[in-house]
N, C-alpha and C. Protein backbone atom coordinates (compact mmCIF):
# COMPACT_ATOMS: atom_id res chain seq x y z
N MET A 1 36.86 24.10 179.12
CA MET A 1 37.41 25.24 179.85
C MET A 1 37.04 26.54 179.12
N PRO A 2 36.39 27.48 179.80
CA PRO A 2 35.96 28.71 179.14
C PRO A 2 37.16 29.55 178.72
N PRO A 3 37.01 30.30 177.61
CA PRO A 3 38.12 31.14 177.16
C PRO A 3 38.47 32.20 178.19
N VAL A 4 39.74 32.51 178.24
CA VAL A 4 40.21 33.52 179.19
C VAL A 4 39.88 34.90 178.63
N ALA A 5 39.16 35.67 179.40
CA ALA A 5 38.79 37.02 178.95
C ALA A 5 40.01 37.93 178.94
N GLU A 6 40.07 38.79 177.91
CA GLU A 6 41.17 39.74 177.85
C GLU A 6 41.02 40.77 178.96
N LYS A 7 42.15 41.12 179.54
CA LYS A 7 42.11 42.12 180.59
C LYS A 7 41.79 43.49 179.99
N PRO A 8 40.90 44.23 180.63
CA PRO A 8 40.59 45.56 180.11
C PRO A 8 41.82 46.46 180.21
N LEU A 9 41.94 47.36 179.24
CA LEU A 9 43.07 48.28 179.26
C LEU A 9 42.96 49.21 180.45
N ASN A 10 44.08 49.45 181.12
CA ASN A 10 44.03 50.44 182.18
C ASN A 10 43.98 51.82 181.54
N ARG A 11 43.68 52.80 182.35
CA ARG A 11 43.47 54.15 181.82
C ARG A 11 44.71 54.68 181.13
N ARG A 12 45.86 54.41 181.69
CA ARG A 12 47.10 54.93 181.11
C ARG A 12 47.37 54.31 179.74
N GLU A 13 47.19 53.00 179.64
CA GLU A 13 47.42 52.33 178.37
C GLU A 13 46.39 52.76 177.33
N GLY A 14 45.15 52.94 177.77
CA GLY A 14 44.12 53.40 176.85
C GLY A 14 44.44 54.78 176.29
N LEU A 15 44.92 55.66 177.16
CA LEU A 15 45.28 57.01 176.73
C LEU A 15 46.47 56.97 175.78
N ARG A 16 47.41 56.09 176.07
CA ARG A 16 48.59 55.97 175.20
C ARG A 16 48.18 55.55 173.79
N ARG A 17 47.28 54.59 173.71
CA ARG A 17 46.84 54.11 172.40
C ARG A 17 46.06 55.18 171.66
N GLU A 18 45.23 55.90 172.37
CA GLU A 18 44.46 56.97 171.73
C GLU A 18 45.39 58.06 171.19
N THR A 19 46.40 58.42 171.98
CA THR A 19 47.34 59.44 171.54
C THR A 19 48.13 58.98 170.33
N LEU A 20 48.57 57.74 170.36
CA LEU A 20 49.32 57.19 169.23
C LEU A 20 48.46 57.17 167.97
N ALA A 21 47.21 56.76 168.10
CA ALA A 21 46.31 56.74 166.94
C ALA A 21 46.08 58.15 166.39
N LEU A 22 45.94 59.12 167.28
CA LEU A 22 45.75 60.51 166.86
C LEU A 22 46.97 61.02 166.11
N ILE A 23 48.15 60.73 166.63
CA ILE A 23 49.39 61.18 165.98
C ILE A 23 49.51 60.57 164.59
N LEU A 24 49.26 59.28 164.47
CA LEU A 24 49.41 58.60 163.19
C LEU A 24 48.39 59.11 162.17
N ALA A 25 47.16 59.30 162.60
CA ALA A 25 46.13 59.79 161.68
C ALA A 25 46.44 61.21 161.21
N THR A 26 46.91 62.04 162.13
CA THR A 26 47.25 63.42 161.77
C THR A 26 48.47 63.45 160.87
N ALA A 27 49.48 62.68 161.21
CA ALA A 27 50.70 62.64 160.40
C ALA A 27 50.41 62.11 159.00
N GLU A 28 49.54 61.14 158.91
CA GLU A 28 49.17 60.58 157.62
C GLU A 28 48.64 61.67 156.69
N ARG A 29 47.77 62.52 157.22
CA ARG A 29 47.20 63.58 156.40
C ARG A 29 48.22 64.66 156.07
N ILE A 30 49.04 65.04 157.04
CA ILE A 30 50.04 66.09 156.80
C ILE A 30 51.08 65.63 155.80
N PHE A 31 51.54 64.39 155.92
CA PHE A 31 52.51 63.86 154.96
C PHE A 31 51.89 63.74 153.57
N ALA A 32 50.61 63.38 153.50
CA ALA A 32 49.94 63.26 152.21
C ALA A 32 49.83 64.62 151.52
N GLU A 33 49.57 65.67 152.31
CA GLU A 33 49.36 67.00 151.74
C GLU A 33 50.66 67.74 151.45
N HIS A 34 51.71 67.48 152.22
CA HIS A 34 52.94 68.26 152.10
C HIS A 34 54.19 67.45 151.76
N GLY A 35 54.07 66.11 151.75
CA GLY A 35 55.22 65.29 151.49
C GLY A 35 56.14 65.22 152.70
N PHE A 36 57.15 64.35 152.62
CA PHE A 36 58.05 64.19 153.75
C PHE A 36 58.83 65.47 154.03
N LYS A 37 59.36 66.09 152.98
CA LYS A 37 60.18 67.29 153.17
C LYS A 37 59.35 68.48 153.65
N GLY A 38 58.14 68.61 153.14
CA GLY A 38 57.32 69.77 153.49
C GLY A 38 56.66 69.68 154.85
N ALA A 39 56.48 68.48 155.34
CA ALA A 39 55.83 68.30 156.65
C ALA A 39 56.84 68.53 157.77
N THR A 40 56.35 69.03 158.89
CA THR A 40 57.20 69.24 160.06
C THR A 40 56.53 68.62 161.28
N MET A 41 57.36 68.26 162.24
CA MET A 41 56.83 67.72 163.49
C MET A 41 55.98 68.76 164.20
N GLN A 42 56.36 70.02 164.08
CA GLN A 42 55.59 71.09 164.73
C GLN A 42 54.21 71.20 164.11
N ALA A 43 54.13 71.10 162.77
CA ALA A 43 52.84 71.18 162.10
C ALA A 43 51.94 70.02 162.50
N ILE A 44 52.52 68.84 162.61
CA ILE A 44 51.74 67.67 163.02
C ILE A 44 51.26 67.83 164.46
N ALA A 45 52.13 68.32 165.33
CA ALA A 45 51.75 68.53 166.72
C ALA A 45 50.64 69.57 166.83
N ASP A 46 50.76 70.66 166.08
CA ASP A 46 49.75 71.71 166.12
C ASP A 46 48.40 71.19 165.65
N GLU A 47 48.42 70.42 164.56
CA GLU A 47 47.17 69.91 163.99
C GLU A 47 46.52 68.91 164.95
N ALA A 48 47.35 68.14 165.64
CA ALA A 48 46.83 67.15 166.60
C ALA A 48 46.50 67.76 167.96
N LYS A 49 46.87 69.05 168.09
CA LYS A 49 46.66 69.77 169.36
C LYS A 49 47.39 69.07 170.51
N LEU A 50 48.66 68.74 170.24
CA LEU A 50 49.51 68.10 171.23
C LEU A 50 50.81 68.87 171.35
N PRO A 51 51.45 68.85 172.52
CA PRO A 51 52.78 69.43 172.63
C PRO A 51 53.75 68.67 171.71
N LYS A 52 54.65 69.38 171.11
CA LYS A 52 55.62 68.74 170.22
C LYS A 52 56.40 67.66 170.95
N ALA A 53 56.64 67.87 172.23
CA ALA A 53 57.38 66.87 173.02
C ALA A 53 56.66 65.53 173.03
N ASN A 54 55.33 65.55 172.96
CA ASN A 54 54.57 64.30 172.93
C ASN A 54 54.90 63.49 171.69
N LEU A 55 55.04 64.18 170.55
CA LEU A 55 55.38 63.48 169.32
C LEU A 55 56.74 62.82 169.43
N HIS A 56 57.69 63.55 169.99
CA HIS A 56 59.04 63.02 170.09
C HIS A 56 59.13 61.91 171.14
N TYR A 57 58.19 61.87 172.05
CA TYR A 57 58.14 60.77 173.01
C TYR A 57 57.84 59.46 172.29
N TYR A 58 56.88 59.51 171.35
CA TYR A 58 56.50 58.33 170.59
C TYR A 58 57.41 58.09 169.39
N PHE A 59 57.84 59.18 168.76
CA PHE A 59 58.66 59.08 167.56
C PHE A 59 59.81 60.09 167.66
N PRO A 60 61.00 59.63 167.97
CA PRO A 60 62.13 60.55 168.17
C PRO A 60 62.42 61.45 166.98
N THR A 61 62.18 60.94 165.75
CA THR A 61 62.47 61.75 164.57
C THR A 61 61.29 61.75 163.62
N LYS A 62 61.29 62.69 162.69
CA LYS A 62 60.25 62.75 161.66
C LYS A 62 60.29 61.50 160.79
N GLN A 63 61.50 61.01 160.53
CA GLN A 63 61.62 59.81 159.70
C GLN A 63 61.01 58.60 160.39
N ASP A 64 61.17 58.49 161.70
CA ASP A 64 60.55 57.39 162.44
C ASP A 64 59.04 57.42 162.28
N LEU A 65 58.46 58.60 162.40
CA LEU A 65 57.01 58.75 162.28
C LEU A 65 56.56 58.45 160.85
N TYR A 66 57.31 58.95 159.89
CA TYR A 66 56.96 58.74 158.49
C TYR A 66 56.97 57.26 158.13
N ARG A 67 58.01 56.57 158.57
CA ARG A 67 58.08 55.14 158.28
C ARG A 67 56.92 54.38 158.91
N GLN A 68 56.51 54.80 160.09
CA GLN A 68 55.39 54.13 160.74
C GLN A 68 54.10 54.37 159.96
N VAL A 69 53.92 55.57 159.43
CA VAL A 69 52.74 55.87 158.62
C VAL A 69 52.72 55.00 157.36
N VAL A 70 53.87 54.91 156.70
CA VAL A 70 53.96 54.12 155.47
C VAL A 70 53.75 52.64 155.76
N GLU A 71 54.37 52.14 156.81
CA GLU A 71 54.23 50.73 157.14
C GLU A 71 52.80 50.39 157.57
N ARG A 72 52.13 51.35 158.19
CA ARG A 72 50.76 51.08 158.63
C ARG A 72 49.84 50.83 157.44
N ILE A 73 49.91 51.69 156.41
CA ILE A 73 49.02 51.48 155.26
C ILE A 73 49.39 50.19 154.54
N PHE A 74 50.69 49.89 154.48
CA PHE A 74 51.09 48.66 153.81
C PHE A 74 50.57 47.44 154.57
N ASN A 75 50.64 47.47 155.89
CA ASN A 75 50.13 46.34 156.68
C ASN A 75 48.63 46.18 156.54
N ILE A 76 47.92 47.28 156.38
CA ILE A 76 46.48 47.21 156.13
C ILE A 76 46.23 46.52 154.80
N TRP A 77 47.03 46.87 153.79
CA TRP A 77 46.91 46.21 152.49
C TRP A 77 47.25 44.72 152.59
N LEU A 78 48.25 44.40 153.40
CA LEU A 78 48.62 42.99 153.58
C LEU A 78 47.46 42.19 154.16
N ASP A 79 46.80 42.76 155.14
CA ASP A 79 45.66 42.07 155.76
C ASP A 79 44.56 41.82 154.74
N ALA A 80 44.40 42.77 153.81
CA ALA A 80 43.36 42.63 152.79
C ALA A 80 43.64 41.45 151.87
N ALA A 81 44.91 41.06 151.76
CA ALA A 81 45.30 39.98 150.85
C ALA A 81 45.24 38.60 151.51
N ASP A 82 44.74 38.52 152.72
CA ASP A 82 44.61 37.22 153.38
C ASP A 82 43.74 36.27 152.57
N SER A 83 42.84 36.84 151.76
CA SER A 83 41.91 36.03 150.99
C SER A 83 42.64 35.09 150.02
N PHE A 84 43.87 35.44 149.62
CA PHE A 84 44.63 34.56 148.74
C PHE A 84 44.86 33.19 149.40
N ASP A 85 44.93 33.19 150.71
CA ASP A 85 45.22 31.96 151.45
C ASP A 85 43.98 31.33 152.08
N THR A 86 42.93 32.14 152.28
CA THR A 86 41.77 31.65 153.01
C THR A 86 40.58 31.30 152.13
N GLN A 87 40.54 31.80 150.89
CA GLN A 87 39.41 31.54 149.99
C GLN A 87 39.76 30.38 149.06
N GLY A 88 38.76 29.57 148.76
CA GLY A 88 39.02 28.36 148.01
C GLY A 88 39.18 28.52 146.51
N THR A 89 38.65 29.57 145.94
CA THR A 89 38.70 29.75 144.49
C THR A 89 39.29 31.12 144.16
N PRO A 90 39.86 31.27 142.95
CA PRO A 90 40.36 32.58 142.57
C PRO A 90 39.26 33.63 142.51
N GLU A 91 38.06 33.23 142.10
CA GLU A 91 36.95 34.19 142.08
C GLU A 91 36.70 34.77 143.46
N ALA A 92 36.64 33.89 144.46
CA ALA A 92 36.39 34.34 145.83
C ALA A 92 37.57 35.14 146.37
N ALA A 93 38.77 34.63 146.14
CA ALA A 93 39.96 35.29 146.68
C ALA A 93 40.15 36.68 146.09
N LEU A 94 40.06 36.78 144.76
CA LEU A 94 40.32 38.06 144.11
C LEU A 94 39.19 39.06 144.34
N SER A 95 37.95 38.59 144.33
CA SER A 95 36.85 39.52 144.56
C SER A 95 36.91 40.08 145.98
N THR A 96 37.26 39.22 146.95
CA THR A 96 37.40 39.70 148.33
C THR A 96 38.54 40.69 148.43
N TYR A 97 39.66 40.38 147.81
CA TYR A 97 40.82 41.27 147.83
C TYR A 97 40.50 42.62 147.20
N ILE A 98 39.88 42.61 146.04
CA ILE A 98 39.54 43.87 145.35
C ILE A 98 38.57 44.69 146.17
N ARG A 99 37.57 44.05 146.73
CA ARG A 99 36.58 44.78 147.54
C ARG A 99 37.24 45.42 148.76
N LYS A 100 38.13 44.68 149.40
CA LYS A 100 38.81 45.23 150.58
C LYS A 100 39.72 46.38 150.18
N LYS A 101 40.41 46.25 149.05
CA LYS A 101 41.30 47.32 148.60
C LYS A 101 40.50 48.57 148.25
N MET A 102 39.34 48.40 147.67
CA MET A 102 38.49 49.56 147.37
C MET A 102 38.04 50.24 148.66
N GLU A 103 37.67 49.44 149.64
CA GLU A 103 37.22 50.01 150.91
C GLU A 103 38.36 50.73 151.62
N ILE A 104 39.58 50.19 151.52
CA ILE A 104 40.74 50.86 152.14
C ILE A 104 40.99 52.21 151.47
N SER A 105 40.81 52.27 150.15
CA SER A 105 40.98 53.55 149.46
C SER A 105 39.97 54.57 149.95
N ARG A 106 38.82 54.10 150.35
CA ARG A 106 37.81 55.01 150.88
C ARG A 106 38.10 55.40 152.32
N SER A 107 38.56 54.46 153.14
CA SER A 107 38.75 54.73 154.57
C SER A 107 40.13 55.27 154.91
N HIS A 108 41.13 55.02 154.05
CA HIS A 108 42.50 55.47 154.33
C HIS A 108 43.12 56.16 153.10
N PRO A 109 42.45 57.17 152.57
CA PRO A 109 42.97 57.81 151.36
C PRO A 109 44.31 58.49 151.56
N TYR A 110 44.53 59.06 152.73
CA TYR A 110 45.79 59.78 152.96
C TYR A 110 46.97 58.80 153.03
N GLY A 111 46.77 57.65 153.64
CA GLY A 111 47.83 56.67 153.71
C GLY A 111 48.26 56.22 152.32
N SER A 112 47.28 56.00 151.46
CA SER A 112 47.58 55.60 150.09
C SER A 112 48.36 56.69 149.36
N LYS A 113 47.99 57.94 149.59
CA LYS A 113 48.68 59.05 148.94
C LYS A 113 50.12 59.18 149.43
N VAL A 114 50.33 58.95 150.72
CA VAL A 114 51.70 59.00 151.26
C VAL A 114 52.55 57.94 150.56
N TRP A 115 52.02 56.74 150.45
CA TRP A 115 52.74 55.65 149.79
C TRP A 115 53.04 56.03 148.34
N ALA A 116 52.04 56.53 147.62
CA ALA A 116 52.22 56.88 146.21
C ALA A 116 53.28 57.97 146.04
N ASN A 117 53.22 59.00 146.88
CA ASN A 117 54.20 60.08 146.78
C ASN A 117 55.62 59.58 147.04
N GLU A 118 55.74 58.69 148.00
CA GLU A 118 57.05 58.14 148.34
C GLU A 118 57.62 57.35 147.16
N VAL A 119 56.82 56.50 146.58
CA VAL A 119 57.30 55.66 145.48
C VAL A 119 57.58 56.49 144.24
N ILE A 120 56.72 57.48 143.96
CA ILE A 120 56.92 58.35 142.80
C ILE A 120 58.27 59.05 142.87
N HIS A 121 58.70 59.37 144.07
CA HIS A 121 59.98 60.08 144.25
C HIS A 121 61.16 59.12 144.47
N GLY A 122 60.97 57.86 144.11
CA GLY A 122 62.07 56.91 144.20
C GLY A 122 62.21 56.23 145.53
N ALA A 123 61.22 56.36 146.39
CA ALA A 123 61.22 55.71 147.71
C ALA A 123 62.50 55.97 148.49
N PRO A 124 62.89 57.24 148.67
CA PRO A 124 64.16 57.53 149.37
C PRO A 124 64.16 57.10 150.84
N ILE A 125 62.99 57.05 151.46
CA ILE A 125 62.94 56.71 152.89
C ILE A 125 62.68 55.23 153.11
N ILE A 126 61.90 54.60 152.24
CA ILE A 126 61.48 53.22 152.49
C ILE A 126 61.97 52.25 151.43
N HIS A 127 63.02 52.59 150.70
CA HIS A 127 63.47 51.69 149.64
C HIS A 127 63.83 50.31 150.19
N ASP A 128 64.41 50.26 151.37
CA ASP A 128 64.75 48.98 151.97
C ASP A 128 63.50 48.15 152.23
N TYR A 129 62.42 48.82 152.55
CA TYR A 129 61.14 48.15 152.81
C TYR A 129 60.61 47.53 151.52
N LEU A 130 60.77 48.23 150.40
CA LEU A 130 60.33 47.71 149.12
C LEU A 130 61.15 46.49 148.71
N GLU A 131 62.44 46.55 148.98
CA GLU A 131 63.34 45.47 148.58
C GLU A 131 63.13 44.20 149.41
N THR A 132 62.61 44.34 150.59
CA THR A 132 62.45 43.18 151.47
C THR A 132 60.98 42.78 151.61
N THR A 133 60.24 43.52 152.42
CA THR A 133 58.86 43.15 152.75
C THR A 133 57.96 43.08 151.53
N LEU A 134 57.98 44.13 150.70
CA LEU A 134 57.11 44.14 149.53
C LEU A 134 57.50 43.06 148.53
N THR A 135 58.79 42.90 148.30
CA THR A 135 59.25 41.90 147.34
C THR A 135 58.89 40.49 147.80
N GLU A 136 59.10 40.20 149.06
CA GLU A 136 58.80 38.86 149.58
C GLU A 136 57.30 38.59 149.52
N TRP A 137 56.49 39.59 149.89
CA TRP A 137 55.04 39.41 149.86
C TRP A 137 54.56 39.18 148.43
N THR A 138 55.07 39.97 147.49
CA THR A 138 54.65 39.85 146.10
C THR A 138 54.97 38.47 145.55
N GLU A 139 56.13 37.94 145.88
CA GLU A 139 56.52 36.62 145.39
C GLU A 139 55.56 35.54 145.89
N THR A 140 55.09 35.67 147.12
CA THR A 140 54.15 34.66 147.64
C THR A 140 52.81 34.74 146.91
N ARG A 141 52.37 35.95 146.57
CA ARG A 141 51.11 36.10 145.84
C ARG A 141 51.25 35.56 144.41
N ILE A 142 52.41 35.78 143.82
CA ILE A 142 52.66 35.30 142.46
C ILE A 142 52.55 33.78 142.41
N LYS A 143 53.07 33.10 143.42
CA LYS A 143 53.01 31.64 143.46
C LYS A 143 51.57 31.15 143.52
N VAL A 144 50.73 31.86 144.27
CA VAL A 144 49.31 31.48 144.34
C VAL A 144 48.66 31.64 142.98
N ILE A 145 48.91 32.77 142.32
CA ILE A 145 48.31 33.01 141.00
C ILE A 145 48.82 32.00 139.99
N GLU A 146 50.10 31.66 140.04
CA GLU A 146 50.66 30.65 139.13
C GLU A 146 50.00 29.29 139.36
N ARG A 147 49.66 28.99 140.59
CA ARG A 147 48.98 27.72 140.88
C ARG A 147 47.59 27.73 140.26
N TRP A 148 46.89 28.86 140.37
CA TRP A 148 45.57 28.96 139.75
C TRP A 148 45.66 28.73 138.25
N ILE A 149 46.68 29.30 137.63
CA ILE A 149 46.86 29.15 136.19
C ILE A 149 47.14 27.69 135.84
N ALA A 150 48.03 27.06 136.60
CA ALA A 150 48.37 25.66 136.35
C ALA A 150 47.16 24.75 136.50
N GLU A 151 46.26 25.11 137.40
CA GLU A 151 45.05 24.31 137.62
C GLU A 151 43.97 24.61 136.60
N GLY A 152 44.20 25.61 135.74
CA GLY A 152 43.21 25.98 134.74
C GLY A 152 42.06 26.80 135.29
N ALA A 153 42.24 27.35 136.49
CA ALA A 153 41.17 28.11 137.13
C ALA A 153 41.04 29.52 136.57
N ILE A 154 42.15 30.07 136.04
CA ILE A 154 42.12 31.37 135.38
C ILE A 154 42.96 31.29 134.12
N ASP A 155 42.80 32.26 133.24
CA ASP A 155 43.58 32.30 132.01
C ASP A 155 45.06 32.52 132.31
N PRO A 156 45.94 32.08 131.40
CA PRO A 156 47.37 32.35 131.60
C PRO A 156 47.66 33.84 131.46
N VAL A 157 47.98 34.47 132.55
CA VAL A 157 48.32 35.89 132.56
C VAL A 157 49.60 36.06 133.37
N ASP A 158 50.27 37.19 133.16
CA ASP A 158 51.45 37.48 133.97
C ASP A 158 50.98 37.91 135.36
N PRO A 159 51.32 37.13 136.39
CA PRO A 159 50.83 37.45 137.74
C PRO A 159 51.20 38.86 138.20
N ARG A 160 52.40 39.32 137.83
CA ARG A 160 52.81 40.65 138.26
C ARG A 160 51.89 41.73 137.69
N HIS A 161 51.56 41.60 136.41
CA HIS A 161 50.73 42.61 135.80
C HIS A 161 49.29 42.56 136.33
N LEU A 162 48.85 41.38 136.71
CA LEU A 162 47.54 41.28 137.34
C LEU A 162 47.53 42.03 138.67
N LEU A 163 48.58 41.82 139.47
CA LEU A 163 48.68 42.53 140.75
C LEU A 163 48.81 44.03 140.53
N TYR A 164 49.65 44.43 139.57
CA TYR A 164 49.82 45.86 139.30
C TYR A 164 48.49 46.50 138.91
N MET A 165 47.71 45.78 138.10
CA MET A 165 46.43 46.31 137.65
C MET A 165 45.47 46.49 138.83
N ILE A 166 45.43 45.51 139.73
CA ILE A 166 44.56 45.62 140.90
C ILE A 166 44.99 46.79 141.78
N TRP A 167 46.30 46.90 142.02
CA TRP A 167 46.79 47.99 142.86
C TRP A 167 46.48 49.35 142.22
N ALA A 168 46.81 49.47 140.94
CA ALA A 168 46.61 50.76 140.26
C ALA A 168 45.15 51.17 140.25
N THR A 169 44.27 50.21 139.97
CA THR A 169 42.85 50.54 139.85
C THR A 169 42.24 50.90 141.20
N THR A 170 42.47 50.06 142.20
CA THR A 170 41.83 50.30 143.49
C THR A 170 42.41 51.54 144.17
N GLN A 171 43.73 51.72 144.09
CA GLN A 171 44.35 52.86 144.76
C GLN A 171 44.12 54.18 144.02
N HIS A 172 43.71 54.09 142.78
CA HIS A 172 43.36 55.30 142.02
C HIS A 172 42.27 56.09 142.74
N TYR A 173 41.34 55.38 143.35
CA TYR A 173 40.21 56.06 144.02
C TYR A 173 40.65 56.85 145.24
N ALA A 174 41.83 56.53 145.77
CA ALA A 174 42.40 57.32 146.88
C ALA A 174 43.36 58.36 146.36
N ASP A 175 44.30 57.93 145.52
CA ASP A 175 45.37 58.81 145.09
C ASP A 175 44.87 59.94 144.19
N PHE A 176 43.81 59.69 143.44
CA PHE A 176 43.26 60.71 142.54
C PHE A 176 41.83 61.08 142.93
N SER A 177 41.60 61.12 144.23
CA SER A 177 40.25 61.40 144.73
C SER A 177 39.73 62.75 144.27
N HIS A 178 40.62 63.75 144.20
CA HIS A 178 40.16 65.08 143.77
C HIS A 178 39.67 65.03 142.32
N GLN A 179 40.38 64.31 141.48
CA GLN A 179 39.96 64.18 140.09
C GLN A 179 38.61 63.48 139.99
N ILE A 180 38.45 62.41 140.77
CA ILE A 180 37.20 61.67 140.76
C ILE A 180 36.05 62.54 141.25
N GLU A 181 36.28 63.31 142.31
CA GLU A 181 35.24 64.20 142.82
C GLU A 181 34.88 65.26 141.79
N THR A 182 35.88 65.80 141.10
CA THR A 182 35.62 66.81 140.07
C THR A 182 34.73 66.23 138.98
N LEU A 183 35.01 65.00 138.56
CA LEU A 183 34.21 64.36 137.51
C LEU A 183 32.88 63.86 138.04
N ASN A 184 32.72 63.89 139.34
CA ASN A 184 31.45 63.49 139.98
C ASN A 184 30.67 64.72 140.40
N GLU A 185 30.74 65.75 139.57
CA GLU A 185 30.03 67.01 139.81
C GLU A 185 30.45 67.66 141.11
N GLY A 186 31.74 67.48 141.46
CA GLY A 186 32.27 68.12 142.65
C GLY A 186 31.84 67.49 143.95
N GLN A 187 31.32 66.27 143.89
CA GLN A 187 30.81 65.61 145.09
C GLN A 187 31.64 64.37 145.43
N VAL A 188 31.81 64.15 146.73
CA VAL A 188 32.43 62.90 147.18
C VAL A 188 31.50 61.75 146.83
N MET A 189 32.05 60.65 146.38
CA MET A 189 31.22 59.49 146.03
C MET A 189 30.44 59.01 147.25
N ASN A 190 29.15 58.76 147.04
CA ASN A 190 28.32 58.28 148.14
C ASN A 190 28.37 56.75 148.22
N ASP A 191 27.65 56.19 149.18
CA ASP A 191 27.68 54.74 149.40
C ASP A 191 27.29 53.97 148.14
N ARG A 192 26.26 54.41 147.47
CA ARG A 192 25.80 53.72 146.27
C ARG A 192 26.86 53.75 145.18
N GLN A 193 27.48 54.90 145.00
CA GLN A 193 28.50 55.02 143.96
C GLN A 193 29.73 54.17 144.26
N TRP A 194 30.11 54.10 145.55
CA TRP A 194 31.23 53.26 145.93
C TRP A 194 30.91 51.79 145.65
N ALA A 195 29.69 51.40 145.98
CA ALA A 195 29.28 50.01 145.75
C ALA A 195 29.29 49.70 144.25
N GLU A 196 28.80 50.62 143.45
CA GLU A 196 28.77 50.42 142.00
C GLU A 196 30.18 50.35 141.43
N ALA A 197 31.06 51.23 141.91
CA ALA A 197 32.44 51.24 141.44
C ALA A 197 33.14 49.93 141.80
N THR A 198 32.92 49.46 143.02
CA THR A 198 33.55 48.23 143.48
C THR A 198 33.08 47.04 142.65
N GLU A 199 31.77 46.96 142.40
CA GLU A 199 31.22 45.87 141.60
C GLU A 199 31.78 45.91 140.18
N CYS A 200 31.86 47.10 139.61
CA CYS A 200 32.34 47.25 138.24
C CYS A 200 33.81 46.84 138.12
N VAL A 201 34.64 47.34 139.02
CA VAL A 201 36.06 47.01 138.98
C VAL A 201 36.27 45.51 139.18
N THR A 202 35.56 44.93 140.12
CA THR A 202 35.69 43.50 140.39
C THR A 202 35.28 42.68 139.17
N ARG A 203 34.15 43.04 138.57
CA ARG A 203 33.64 42.29 137.42
C ARG A 203 34.60 42.37 136.23
N ILE A 204 35.12 43.56 135.96
CA ILE A 204 36.02 43.73 134.81
C ILE A 204 37.29 42.90 134.98
N ILE A 205 37.88 42.95 136.17
CA ILE A 205 39.14 42.22 136.38
C ILE A 205 38.92 40.70 136.35
N LEU A 206 37.86 40.22 136.99
CA LEU A 206 37.62 38.78 137.00
C LEU A 206 37.31 38.25 135.60
N ARG A 207 36.49 38.98 134.85
CA ARG A 207 36.18 38.56 133.49
C ARG A 207 37.42 38.62 132.61
N GLY A 208 38.29 39.58 132.88
CA GLY A 208 39.48 39.75 132.07
C GLY A 208 40.47 38.60 132.19
N ILE A 209 40.38 37.86 133.29
CA ILE A 209 41.29 36.71 133.47
C ILE A 209 40.53 35.38 133.41
N GLY A 210 39.27 35.45 132.95
CA GLY A 210 38.50 34.24 132.80
C GLY A 210 38.16 33.56 134.10
N ALA A 211 37.93 34.38 135.13
CA ALA A 211 37.65 33.82 136.45
C ALA A 211 36.16 33.66 136.70
N GLY A 212 35.34 33.72 135.68
CA GLY A 212 33.91 33.50 135.86
C GLY A 212 33.11 34.77 136.00
N GLN A 213 31.85 34.60 136.14
CA GLN A 213 30.93 35.73 136.24
C GLN A 213 30.58 35.97 137.70
N LEU A 214 30.34 37.28 138.03
CA LEU A 214 29.88 37.62 139.38
C LEU A 214 28.36 37.49 139.45
């Protein structure tokens, strides 16, 4: 039996999705640049070239929009960690995870900055999210790393610190992009430089836990 083809989006639904994507992308940048308190729904609407009423149609409050921005970047990071379950070896799983995290820092720098700013300030808006979703996800990754250690596939290391190191290193390229550009002669890193950075970060972390050579 042939697979059932997905129904094409009607014009109204397509427009709704485009508008929602525009709002989220614009809000992501405004929140990254001004923080939750400094950003306003009016500023986001103006930047997106939409009536303010449109924003409130999708997101009744600024906090609703902010939480959606934060949850979106986190869900993107979650998807990047699928390799823990789908790859057969720690070398494959971690290298895939690191590469994806580096690419996310390049493609979603503002989302990463919003997350960093929120956590730096004590996560006043999303603390419940950290206590539930992030904590539960982290515990599942820790169990995978502990299994690798028990099997002798990697050196005995504290799984939490391994995860913290991966997060800190990969997200540095988004959160401190201005510093990196300044040290790169004022230029945004090009494709070659991103590839070199990704290879270097991956190699250092894998060798550091005895996960073999790339």
